[in-house]
Amino acid sequence: MPALDIAQLTPRERLDLIAELWDSLAPEDVRLTPAQDAELARRMATFDADRADAVPWAEVERQLDRQ
């Protein structure tokens, strides 16, 4: 496969390439450190605890449009 000169790509093309590379990875290919795993668990617990207080994005947009 010939080398790709990424400097010749537009920012959009580079972002698309990043997305394609990321999507090519399986979950087991991306390992978290113990600290990252602990932080993810903490954030998920907060998310679950605060779920009842969440406001749908459509409602946020409506409120912003009214201002």
C-alpha atoms as a PDB file:
ATOM      1  CA  MET A   1       0.000   0.000   0.000  1.00  0.00           C
ATOM      2  CA  PRO A   2       1.452   3.390  -0.923  1.00  0.00           C
ATOM      3  CA  ALA A   3       2.129   5.886   1.857  1.00  0.00           C
ATOM      4  CA  LEU A   4      -0.557   8.508   2.399  1.00  0.00           C
ATOM      5  CA  ASP A   5       0.619  12.128   2.548  1.00  0.00           C
ATOM      6  CA  ILE A   6      -1.803  13.403   5.167  1.00  0.00           C
ATOM      7  CA  ALA A   7      -0.480  16.949   4.748  1.00  0.00           C
ATOM      8  CA  GLN A   8      -2.269  16.981   1.395  1.00  0.00           C
ATOM      9  CA  LEU A   9      -5.642  16.142   2.974  1.00  0.00           C
ATOM     10  CA  THR A  10      -8.160  18.784   3.964  1.00  0.00           C
ATOM     11  CA  PRO A  11      -9.049  19.038   7.655  1.00  0.00           C
ATOM     12  CA  ARG A  12     -12.389  17.325   6.891  1.00  0.00           C
ATOM     13  CA  GLU A  13     -10.611  14.460   5.093  1.00  0.00           C
ATOM     14  CA  ARG A  14      -8.216  14.048   8.023  1.00  0.00           C
ATOM     15  CA  LEU A  15     -11.121  13.952  10.472  1.00  0.00           C
ATOM     16  CA  ASP A  16     -12.865  11.369   8.291  1.00  0.00           C
ATOM     17  CA  LEU A  17      -9.671   9.293   8.274  1.00  0.00           C
ATOM     18  CA  ILE A  18      -9.432   9.509  12.071  1.00  0.00           C
ATOM     19  CA  ALA A  19     -13.059   8.355  12.352  1.00  0.00           C
ATOM     20  CA  GLU A  20     -12.452   5.471   9.957  1.00  0.00           C
ATOM     21  CA  LEU A  21      -9.383   4.354  11.895  1.00  0.00           C
ATOM     22  CA  TRP A  22     -11.202   4.646  15.243  1.00  0.00           C
ATOM     23  CA  ASP A  23     -14.202   2.701  13.943  1.00  0.00           C
ATOM     24  CA  SER A  24     -11.890  -0.066  12.741  1.00  0.00           C
ATOM     25  CA  LEU A  25     -10.891  -0.859  16.333  1.00  0.00           C
ATOM     26  CA  ALA A  26     -12.732  -3.412  18.431  1.00  0.00           C
ATOM     27  CA  PRO A  27     -13.536  -2.548  22.063  1.00  0.00           C
ATOM     28  CA  GLU A  28     -10.884  -5.007  23.243  1.00  0.00           C
ATOM     29  CA  ASP A  29      -8.288  -3.094  21.175  1.00  0.00           C
ATOM     30  CA  VAL A  30      -8.745   0.000  23.363  1.00  0.00           C
ATOM     31  CA  ARG A  31      -7.710  -0.816  26.900  1.00  0.00           C
ATOM     32  CA  LEU A  32      -8.259   1.613  29.742  1.00  0.00           C
ATOM     33  CA  THR A  33      -5.766   2.187  32.496  1.00  0.00           C
ATOM     34  CA  PRO A  34      -7.037   1.427  36.013  1.00  0.00           C
ATOM     35  CA  ALA A  35      -7.330   5.190  36.625  1.00  0.00           C
ATOM     36  CA  GLN A  36      -9.346   5.694  33.426  1.00  0.00           C
ATOM     37  CA  ASP A  37     -11.573   2.742  34.308  1.00  0.00           C
ATOM     38  CA  ALA A  38     -12.203   4.175  37.784  1.00  0.00           C
ATOM     39  CA  GLU A  39     -13.010   7.618  36.320  1.00  0.00           C
ATOM     40  CA  LEU A  40     -15.397   6.087  33.792  1.00  0.00           C
ATOM     41  CA  ALA A  41     -17.156   4.173  36.578  1.00  0.00           C
ATOM     42  CA  ARG A  42     -17.432   7.382  38.633  1.00  0.00           C
ATOM     43  CA  ARG A  43     -18.895   9.319  35.695  1.00  0.00           C
ATOM     44  CA  MET A  44     -21.371   6.567  34.838  1.00  0.00           C
ATOM     45  CA  ALA A  45     -22.540   6.454  38.466  1.00  0.00           C
ATOM     46  CA  THR A  46     -23.060  10.227  38.389  1.00  0.00           C
ATOM     47  CA  PHE A  47     -24.873   9.958  35.066  1.00  0.00           C
ATOM     48  CA  ASP A  48     -27.178   7.241  36.403  1.00  0.00           C
ATOM     49  CA  ALA A  49     -27.859   9.198  39.627  1.00  0.00           C
ATOM     50  CA  ASP A  50     -28.645  12.421  37.755  1.00  0.00           C
ATOM     51  CA  ARG A  51     -30.672  10.867  34.938  1.00  0.00           C
ATOM     52  CA  ALA A  52     -33.997  12.027  36.396  1.00  0.00           C
ATOM     53  CA  ASP A  53     -32.799  15.647  36.320  1.00  0.00           C
ATOM     54  CA  ALA A  54     -31.717  15.494  32.664  1.00  0.00           C
ATOM     55  CA  VAL A  55     -33.315  17.853  30.152  1.00  0.00           C
ATOM     56  CA  PRO A  56     -33.742  16.632  26.557  1.00  0.00           C
ATOM     57  CA  TRP A  57     -31.629  18.556  24.041  1.00  0.00           C
ATOM     58  CA  ALA A  58     -34.757  19.551  22.090  1.00  0.00           C
ATOM     59  CA  GLU A  59     -36.059  21.315  25.211  1.00  0.00           C
ATOM     60  CA  VAL A  60     -32.744  23.118  25.720  1.00  0.00           C
ATOM     61  CA  GLU A  61     -32.896  24.315  22.105  1.00  0.00           C
ATOM     62  CA  ARG A  62     -36.469  25.547  22.551  1.00  0.00           C
ATOM     63  CA  GLN A  63     -35.478  27.507  25.640  1.00  0.00           C
ATOM     64  CA  LEU A  64     -32.505  29.038  23.848  1.00  0.00           C
ATOM     65  CA  ASP A  65     -34.671  29.983  20.876  1.00  0.00           C
ATOM     66  CA  ARG A  66     -37.049  31.829  23.191  1.00  0.00           C
ATOM     67  CA  GLN A  67     -34.252  33.974  24.616  1.00  0.00           C
END
